[in-house]
């Protein structure tokens, strides 16, 4: 359907789901967006961390927290909090998402930057490549601007 790129605060999205990048160790990074997410959804991060410590989540997987609005999709794109975002993990996640979004009941998706500023251009190109033909309305947040509502048009 549509894949648009915006700048703004993904926490203010009107999309049904918000996909965020995370690591397989369950350690929360200390960026501004991550801190806001942790403060707003502490139960989601506690559950995610517990599952990671039990080694029930692996890199390249997508974990869903449905008890929030928007639904949080944890994209496990790094093996550890100090590691780099791996393109193969991103590919695995977005390929599964492109294939299974209907089965998962996903109607619209916002994607926060899945890597750091240096990694994001390459990661974004992979996300765009695999999801551009999807009929799912997708909003890719290019730049995080706290408190700014993006024009999503979904």
N, C-alpha and C. Protein backbone atom coordinates (compact mmCIF):
# COMPACT_ATOMS: atom_id res chain seq x y z
N UNK A 1 0.84 -1.18 0.00
CA UNK A 1 0.00 0.00 0.00
C UNK A 1 0.88 1.24 0.00
N UNK A 2 1.35 1.63 1.17
CA UNK A 2 2.17 2.83 1.23
C UNK A 2 3.30 2.64 2.22
N UNK A 3 4.43 3.19 1.85
CA UNK A 3 5.60 3.21 2.72
C UNK A 3 6.08 4.65 2.69
N UNK A 4 5.96 5.33 3.82
CA UNK A 4 6.38 6.73 3.87
C UNK A 4 7.46 6.91 4.93
N UNK A 5 8.27 7.94 4.72
CA UNK A 5 9.33 8.28 5.65
C UNK A 5 9.00 9.62 6.29
N UNK A 6 9.10 9.68 7.60
CA UNK A 6 8.76 10.90 8.34
C UNK A 6 9.82 11.18 9.40
N UNK A 7 9.76 12.38 9.95
CA UNK A 7 10.53 12.74 11.14
C UNK A 7 9.52 13.08 12.22
N UNK A 8 9.83 12.69 13.43
CA UNK A 8 8.91 12.96 14.54
C UNK A 8 9.13 11.98 15.67
N UNK A 9 8.15 11.89 16.54
CA UNK A 9 8.23 11.04 17.72
C UNK A 9 7.43 9.75 17.47
N UNK A 10 8.11 8.61 17.32
CA UNK A 10 7.39 7.36 17.08
C UNK A 10 6.45 6.98 18.23
N UNK A 11 6.67 7.52 19.42
CA UNK A 11 5.77 7.24 20.54
C UNK A 11 4.39 7.86 20.34
N UNK A 12 4.29 8.79 19.42
CA UNK A 12 3.01 9.45 19.13
C UNK A 12 2.34 8.89 17.89
N UNK A 13 2.83 7.77 17.40
CA UNK A 13 2.29 7.20 16.17
C UNK A 13 0.82 6.81 16.32
N UNK A 14 0.11 6.89 15.21
CA UNK A 14 -1.27 6.41 15.17
C UNK A 14 -1.32 4.99 14.58
N UNK A 15 -0.17 4.45 14.22
CA UNK A 15 -0.12 3.09 13.69
C UNK A 15 -0.47 2.09 14.78
N UNK A 16 -0.97 0.94 14.37
CA UNK A 16 -1.34 -0.11 15.32
C UNK A 16 -0.11 -0.65 16.05
N UNK A 17 1.02 -0.79 15.33
CA UNK A 17 2.23 -1.38 15.90
C UNK A 17 3.42 -0.45 15.72
N UNK A 18 4.34 -0.51 16.67
CA UNK A 18 5.59 0.23 16.61
C UNK A 18 6.73 -0.77 16.73
N UNK A 19 7.59 -0.82 15.70
CA UNK A 19 8.73 -1.73 15.73
C UNK A 19 9.97 -0.96 16.18
N UNK A 20 10.65 -1.53 17.17
CA UNK A 20 11.87 -0.93 17.71
C UNK A 20 12.99 -1.95 17.65
N UNK A 21 14.21 -1.47 17.45
CA UNK A 21 15.37 -2.36 17.43
C UNK A 21 15.86 -2.63 18.84
N UNK A 22 16.27 -3.87 19.07
CA UNK A 22 16.79 -4.22 20.39
C UNK A 22 17.84 -5.31 20.24
N UNK A 23 18.39 -5.76 21.37
CA UNK A 23 19.44 -6.77 21.33
C UNK A 23 18.99 -8.05 22.03
N UNK A 24 19.70 -9.13 21.75
CA UNK A 24 19.31 -10.45 22.26
C UNK A 24 19.70 -10.67 23.72
N UNK A 25 20.41 -9.73 24.32
CA UNK A 25 20.77 -9.85 25.74
C UNK A 25 19.72 -9.21 26.64
N UNK A 26 18.81 -8.42 26.06
CA UNK A 26 17.77 -7.78 26.85
C UNK A 26 18.22 -6.52 27.56
N UNK A 27 19.42 -6.05 27.25
CA UNK A 27 19.91 -4.83 27.89
C UNK A 27 19.40 -3.62 27.11
N UNK A 28 18.84 -2.67 27.82
CA UNK A 28 18.30 -1.48 27.17
C UNK A 28 19.42 -0.47 26.96
N UNK A 29 19.53 0.01 25.72
CA UNK A 29 20.51 1.05 25.43
C UNK A 29 20.04 2.37 26.02
N UNK A 30 20.92 3.33 26.08
CA UNK A 30 20.61 4.55 26.81
C UNK A 30 20.35 5.75 25.92
N UNK A 31 19.81 5.54 24.73
CA UNK A 31 19.44 6.65 23.87
C UNK A 31 18.16 7.31 24.37
N UNK A 32 17.88 8.47 23.83
CA UNK A 32 16.69 9.22 24.25
C UNK A 32 15.41 8.44 24.00
N UNK A 33 15.27 7.89 22.80
CA UNK A 33 14.05 7.13 22.48
C UNK A 33 13.93 5.89 23.35
N UNK A 34 15.03 5.18 23.53
CA UNK A 34 15.00 3.97 24.35
C UNK A 34 14.60 4.28 25.79
N UNK A 35 15.13 5.38 26.32
CA UNK A 35 14.78 5.79 27.68
C UNK A 35 13.29 6.11 27.78
N UNK A 36 12.75 6.82 26.79
CA UNK A 36 11.32 7.14 26.79
C UNK A 36 10.47 5.87 26.72
N UNK A 37 10.88 4.93 25.86
CA UNK A 37 10.16 3.66 25.74
C UNK A 37 10.19 2.89 27.06
N UNK A 38 11.36 2.81 27.67
CA UNK A 38 11.50 2.09 28.94
C UNK A 38 10.63 2.73 30.03
N UNK A 39 10.60 4.05 30.09
CA UNK A 39 9.78 4.74 31.09
C UNK A 39 8.29 4.54 30.84
N UNK A 40 7.89 4.48 29.59
CA UNK A 40 6.47 4.36 29.25
C UNK A 40 5.97 2.92 29.34
N UNK A 41 6.84 1.95 29.00
CA UNK A 41 6.43 0.54 28.95
C UNK A 41 7.36 -0.35 29.78
N UNK A 42 7.49 -0.10 31.09
CA UNK A 42 8.43 -0.89 31.89
C UNK A 42 8.11 -2.38 31.92
N UNK A 43 6.84 -2.74 31.92
CA UNK A 43 6.47 -4.17 31.96
C UNK A 43 6.91 -4.88 30.68
N UNK A 44 6.81 -4.21 29.55
CA UNK A 44 7.25 -4.81 28.28
C UNK A 44 8.74 -5.09 28.32
N UNK A 45 9.51 -4.13 28.79
CA UNK A 45 10.96 -4.31 28.83
C UNK A 45 11.37 -5.34 29.88
N UNK A 46 10.65 -5.41 31.00
CA UNK A 46 10.94 -6.42 32.01
C UNK A 46 10.67 -7.82 31.46
N UNK A 47 9.56 -8.00 30.76
CA UNK A 47 9.25 -9.31 30.17
C UNK A 47 10.26 -9.67 29.10
N UNK A 48 10.61 -8.71 28.27
CA UNK A 48 11.59 -8.94 27.21
C UNK A 48 12.94 -9.36 27.81
N UNK A 49 13.38 -8.63 28.82
CA UNK A 49 14.67 -8.94 29.46
C UNK A 49 14.64 -10.33 30.08
N UNK A 50 13.55 -10.67 30.74
CA UNK A 50 13.42 -12.00 31.36
C UNK A 50 13.53 -13.10 30.30
N UNK A 51 12.83 -12.94 29.19
CA UNK A 51 12.89 -13.95 28.11
C UNK A 51 14.29 -14.05 27.51
N UNK A 52 14.97 -12.92 27.39
CA UNK A 52 16.34 -12.94 26.87
C UNK A 52 17.27 -13.69 27.83
N UNK A 53 17.13 -13.43 29.12
CA UNK A 53 17.98 -14.11 30.11
C UNK A 53 17.72 -15.60 30.14
N UNK A 54 16.49 -16.00 29.81
CA UNK A 54 16.15 -17.42 29.72
C UNK A 54 16.55 -18.00 28.36
N UNK A 55 17.14 -17.17 27.52
CA UNK A 55 17.59 -17.56 26.17
C UNK A 55 16.44 -18.08 25.31
N UNK A 56 15.27 -17.48 25.49
CA UNK A 56 14.10 -17.88 24.69
C UNK A 56 13.93 -17.00 23.46
N UNK A 57 14.72 -15.93 23.36
CA UNK A 57 14.68 -15.04 22.20
C UNK A 57 16.05 -15.02 21.54
N UNK A 58 16.06 -15.06 20.23
CA UNK A 58 17.31 -15.10 19.48
C UNK A 58 17.39 -13.92 18.52
N UNK A 59 18.60 -13.57 18.14
CA UNK A 59 18.81 -12.52 17.15
C UNK A 59 18.11 -12.90 15.85
N UNK A 60 17.55 -11.90 15.19
CA UNK A 60 16.83 -12.14 13.94
C UNK A 60 15.36 -12.46 14.14
N UNK A 61 14.90 -12.41 15.38
CA UNK A 61 13.49 -12.71 15.69
C UNK A 61 12.73 -11.41 15.99
N UNK A 62 11.43 -11.53 16.00
CA UNK A 62 10.55 -10.42 16.33
C UNK A 62 9.70 -10.86 17.51
N UNK A 63 9.71 -10.07 18.60
CA UNK A 63 8.92 -10.40 19.78
C UNK A 63 7.85 -9.32 19.95
N UNK A 64 6.63 -9.74 20.24
CA UNK A 64 5.49 -8.82 20.29
C UNK A 64 4.99 -8.64 21.72
N UNK A 65 4.77 -7.38 22.10
CA UNK A 65 4.13 -7.01 23.36
C UNK A 65 2.80 -6.36 23.00
N UNK A 66 1.71 -7.08 23.25
CA UNK A 66 0.38 -6.61 22.82
C UNK A 66 -0.35 -5.78 23.87
N UNK A 67 0.19 -5.69 25.08
CA UNK A 67 -0.49 -4.98 26.17
C UNK A 67 -0.15 -3.49 26.19
N UNK A 68 -0.06 -2.88 25.03
CA UNK A 68 0.22 -1.45 24.95
C UNK A 68 -0.43 -0.90 23.69
N UNK A 69 -0.54 0.39 23.65
CA UNK A 69 -1.02 1.06 22.45
C UNK A 69 0.00 2.13 22.10
N UNK A 70 0.75 1.98 21.04
CA UNK A 70 0.68 0.91 20.04
C UNK A 70 1.29 -0.39 20.56
N UNK A 71 0.96 -1.48 19.86
CA UNK A 71 1.59 -2.77 20.14
C UNK A 71 3.08 -2.62 19.84
N UNK A 72 3.94 -3.12 20.72
CA UNK A 72 5.38 -3.02 20.51
C UNK A 72 5.91 -4.28 19.84
N UNK A 73 6.69 -4.10 18.79
CA UNK A 73 7.38 -5.20 18.13
C UNK A 73 8.87 -5.01 18.37
N UNK A 74 9.45 -5.87 19.18
CA UNK A 74 10.88 -5.81 19.46
C UNK A 74 11.61 -6.56 18.35
N UNK A 75 12.31 -5.84 17.49
CA UNK A 75 13.09 -6.45 16.42
C UNK A 75 14.49 -6.72 16.99
N UNK A 76 14.86 -7.97 17.10
CA UNK A 76 16.14 -8.33 17.72
C UNK A 76 17.21 -8.29 16.64
N UNK A 77 17.83 -7.11 16.50
CA UNK A 77 18.76 -6.84 15.40
C UNK A 77 20.23 -6.88 15.82
N UNK A 78 20.49 -7.05 17.12
CA UNK A 78 21.86 -7.13 17.61
C UNK A 78 22.00 -8.30 18.57
N UNK A 79 23.17 -8.91 18.58
CA UNK A 79 23.42 -10.01 19.50
C UNK A 79 23.63 -9.49 20.92
N UNK A 80 24.20 -8.29 21.06
CA UNK A 80 24.42 -7.71 22.39
C UNK A 80 24.26 -6.20 22.30
N UNK A 81 24.20 -5.56 23.46
CA UNK A 81 23.99 -4.11 23.47
C UNK A 81 25.20 -3.34 22.95
N UNK A 82 26.36 -3.96 22.94
CA UNK A 82 27.56 -3.28 22.43
C UNK A 82 27.89 -3.71 21.00
N UNK A 83 27.13 -4.63 20.47
CA UNK A 83 27.39 -5.11 19.11
C UNK A 83 26.71 -4.24 18.06
N UNK A 84 27.12 -4.46 16.84
CA UNK A 84 26.54 -3.73 15.71
C UNK A 84 25.22 -4.38 15.29
N UNK A 85 24.39 -3.58 14.65
CA UNK A 85 23.17 -4.10 14.05
C UNK A 85 23.58 -4.97 12.87
N UNK A 86 23.09 -6.17 12.81
CA UNK A 86 23.45 -7.11 11.74
C UNK A 86 22.39 -7.07 10.65
N UNK A 87 22.84 -6.84 9.43
CA UNK A 87 21.93 -6.77 8.29
C UNK A 87 21.19 -8.09 8.12
N UNK A 88 21.85 -9.20 8.35
CA UNK A 88 21.16 -10.49 8.17
C UNK A 88 20.00 -10.65 9.16
N UNK A 89 20.13 -10.09 10.37
CA UNK A 89 19.04 -10.14 11.34
C UNK A 89 17.88 -9.25 10.87
N UNK A 90 18.21 -8.07 10.38
CA UNK A 90 17.18 -7.15 9.88
C UNK A 90 16.45 -7.80 8.71
N UNK A 91 17.20 -8.39 7.78
CA UNK A 91 16.58 -9.07 6.64
C UNK A 91 15.63 -10.17 7.09
N UNK A 92 16.07 -10.98 8.00
CA UNK A 92 15.24 -12.08 8.50
C UNK A 92 13.93 -11.55 9.09
N UNK A 93 14.03 -10.50 9.87
CA UNK A 93 12.85 -9.93 10.52
C UNK A 93 11.88 -9.34 9.50
N UNK A 94 12.38 -8.51 8.59
CA UNK A 94 11.45 -7.85 7.66
C UNK A 94 10.90 -8.82 6.62
N UNK A 95 11.65 -9.85 6.28
CA UNK A 95 11.12 -10.87 5.36
C UNK A 95 9.95 -11.61 6.01
N UNK A 96 10.13 -11.99 7.28
CA UNK A 96 9.04 -12.66 8.01
C UNK A 96 7.84 -11.74 8.17
N UNK A 97 8.11 -10.48 8.46
CA UNK A 97 7.04 -9.51 8.62
C UNK A 97 6.27 -9.32 7.32
N UNK A 98 6.98 -9.18 6.21
CA UNK A 98 6.32 -9.02 4.90
C UNK A 98 5.45 -10.23 4.58
N UNK A 99 5.89 -11.39 4.98
CA UNK A 99 5.16 -12.63 4.70
C UNK A 99 3.99 -12.84 5.65
N UNK A 100 4.17 -12.52 6.93
CA UNK A 100 3.23 -12.94 7.97
C UNK A 100 2.38 -11.84 8.61
N UNK A 101 2.48 -10.60 8.15
CA UNK A 101 1.77 -9.53 8.86
C UNK A 101 0.26 -9.75 8.93
N UNK A 102 -0.33 -10.31 7.89
CA UNK A 102 -1.78 -10.57 7.93
C UNK A 102 -2.12 -11.61 8.99
N UNK A 103 -1.32 -12.68 9.02
CA UNK A 103 -1.54 -13.75 9.98
C UNK A 103 -1.39 -13.23 11.42
N UNK A 104 -0.51 -12.26 11.61
CA UNK A 104 -0.29 -11.68 12.94
C UNK A 104 -1.32 -10.60 13.28
N UNK A 105 -2.18 -10.25 12.33
CA UNK A 105 -3.21 -9.25 12.57
C UNK A 105 -2.70 -7.82 12.56
N UNK A 106 -1.57 -7.59 11.92
CA UNK A 106 -0.99 -6.24 11.87
C UNK A 106 -1.66 -5.46 10.74
N UNK A 107 -2.23 -4.30 11.10
CA UNK A 107 -2.96 -3.47 10.13
C UNK A 107 -2.17 -2.24 9.68
N UNK A 108 -1.27 -1.75 10.54
CA UNK A 108 -0.40 -0.62 10.20
C UNK A 108 0.82 -0.68 11.09
N UNK A 109 1.94 -0.16 10.58
CA UNK A 109 3.22 -0.32 11.27
C UNK A 109 4.04 0.95 11.20
N UNK A 110 4.56 1.38 12.35
CA UNK A 110 5.55 2.44 12.42
C UNK A 110 6.87 1.79 12.80
N UNK A 111 7.95 2.25 12.18
CA UNK A 111 9.27 1.67 12.44
C UNK A 111 10.19 2.78 12.92
N UNK A 112 10.67 2.65 14.16
CA UNK A 112 11.68 3.56 14.69
C UNK A 112 13.04 3.14 14.11
N UNK A 113 14.02 4.05 14.07
CA UNK A 113 15.34 3.64 13.55
C UNK A 113 15.83 2.38 14.27
N UNK A 114 16.19 1.36 13.49
CA UNK A 114 16.59 0.06 14.05
C UNK A 114 18.08 -0.04 14.32
N UNK A 115 18.83 0.97 14.02
CA UNK A 115 20.26 0.97 14.28
C UNK A 115 20.68 2.37 14.70
N UNK A 116 21.97 2.53 14.99
CA UNK A 116 22.44 3.87 15.34
C UNK A 116 22.52 4.74 14.08
N UNK A 117 22.89 6.00 14.25
CA UNK A 117 22.90 6.94 13.13
C UNK A 117 23.81 6.49 11.99
N UNK A 118 24.91 5.84 12.32
CA UNK A 118 25.84 5.36 11.28
C UNK A 118 25.27 4.17 10.53
N UNK A 119 24.53 3.31 11.21
CA UNK A 119 24.00 2.08 10.61
C UNK A 119 22.68 2.30 9.88
N UNK A 120 21.92 3.31 10.32
CA UNK A 120 20.54 3.46 9.87
C UNK A 120 20.38 3.56 8.35
N UNK A 121 21.22 4.29 7.60
CA UNK A 121 21.00 4.35 6.15
C UNK A 121 21.00 2.96 5.48
N UNK A 122 21.94 2.11 5.85
CA UNK A 122 21.98 0.76 5.26
C UNK A 122 20.81 -0.09 5.76
N UNK A 123 20.52 0.00 7.04
CA UNK A 123 19.41 -0.76 7.62
C UNK A 123 18.09 -0.32 6.97
N UNK A 124 17.91 0.98 6.82
CA UNK A 124 16.68 1.50 6.21
C UNK A 124 16.52 0.99 4.78
N UNK A 125 17.62 0.92 4.03
CA UNK A 125 17.51 0.43 2.64
C UNK A 125 17.06 -1.03 2.61
N UNK A 126 17.50 -1.83 3.57
CA UNK A 126 17.06 -3.24 3.65
C UNK A 126 15.58 -3.30 4.01
N UNK A 127 15.17 -2.52 4.98
CA UNK A 127 13.76 -2.48 5.39
C UNK A 127 12.89 -2.06 4.21
N UNK A 128 13.29 -1.01 3.53
CA UNK A 128 12.53 -0.51 2.39
C UNK A 128 12.45 -1.54 1.27
N UNK A 129 13.57 -2.19 0.98
CA UNK A 129 13.61 -3.18 -0.09
C UNK A 129 12.59 -4.30 0.15
N UNK A 130 12.56 -4.83 1.36
CA UNK A 130 11.71 -5.99 1.64
C UNK A 130 10.26 -5.63 1.91
N UNK A 131 9.98 -4.40 2.31
CA UNK A 131 8.61 -4.05 2.66
C UNK A 131 7.91 -3.15 1.64
N UNK A 132 8.61 -2.67 0.63
CA UNK A 132 8.03 -1.70 -0.31
C UNK A 132 6.85 -2.25 -1.10
N UNK A 133 6.82 -3.54 -1.36
CA UNK A 133 5.72 -4.14 -2.13
C UNK A 133 4.56 -4.59 -1.25
N UNK A 134 4.74 -4.48 0.04
CA UNK A 134 3.71 -4.92 0.98
C UNK A 134 2.47 -4.03 0.89
N UNK A 135 1.33 -4.60 1.14
CA UNK A 135 0.08 -3.83 1.19
C UNK A 135 -0.14 -3.20 2.57
N UNK A 136 0.76 -3.47 3.48
CA UNK A 136 0.70 -2.94 4.84
C UNK A 136 1.10 -1.46 4.86
N UNK A 137 0.28 -0.56 5.44
CA UNK A 137 0.71 0.83 5.59
C UNK A 137 1.89 0.91 6.57
N UNK A 138 3.00 1.48 6.11
CA UNK A 138 4.23 1.51 6.91
C UNK A 138 4.75 2.94 6.98
N UNK A 139 5.08 3.37 8.20
CA UNK A 139 5.67 4.67 8.44
C UNK A 139 7.07 4.43 8.99
N UNK A 140 8.08 4.90 8.29
CA UNK A 140 9.46 4.76 8.75
C UNK A 140 9.89 6.09 9.36
N UNK A 141 10.25 6.06 10.62
CA UNK A 141 10.72 7.27 11.29
C UNK A 141 12.21 7.43 11.02
N UNK A 142 12.53 8.44 10.24
CA UNK A 142 13.91 8.73 9.83
C UNK A 142 14.69 9.37 10.98
N UNK A 143 14.07 10.37 11.58
CA UNK A 143 14.72 11.15 12.64
C UNK A 143 13.78 11.22 13.84
N UNK A 144 14.33 10.97 15.02
CA UNK A 144 13.55 11.06 16.26
C UNK A 144 13.52 12.51 16.73
N UNK A 145 12.33 13.08 16.78
CA UNK A 145 12.11 14.43 17.29
C UNK A 145 11.12 14.32 18.45
N UNK A 146 11.61 14.32 19.69
CA UNK A 146 10.74 14.12 20.85
C UNK A 146 9.57 15.11 20.88
N UNK A 147 8.36 14.55 21.09
CA UNK A 147 7.17 15.36 21.24
C UNK A 147 6.57 15.90 19.95
N UNK A 148 7.16 15.56 18.80
CA UNK A 148 6.66 16.08 17.52
C UNK A 148 5.83 15.00 16.83
N UNK A 149 4.55 15.31 16.60
CA UNK A 149 3.65 14.39 15.89
C UNK A 149 3.98 14.45 14.40
N UNK A 150 4.31 13.31 13.82
CA UNK A 150 4.62 13.25 12.39
C UNK A 150 3.33 13.19 11.58
N UNK A 151 3.39 13.65 10.35
CA UNK A 151 2.25 13.52 9.43
C UNK A 151 2.31 12.15 8.81
N UNK A 152 1.55 11.22 9.37
CA UNK A 152 1.62 9.82 8.95
C UNK A 152 0.68 9.48 7.80
N UNK A 153 -0.46 10.10 7.74
CA UNK A 153 -1.43 9.84 6.66
C UNK A 153 -1.76 8.36 6.49
N UNK A 154 -2.11 7.70 7.60
CA UNK A 154 -2.50 6.28 7.48
C UNK A 154 -3.99 6.13 7.66
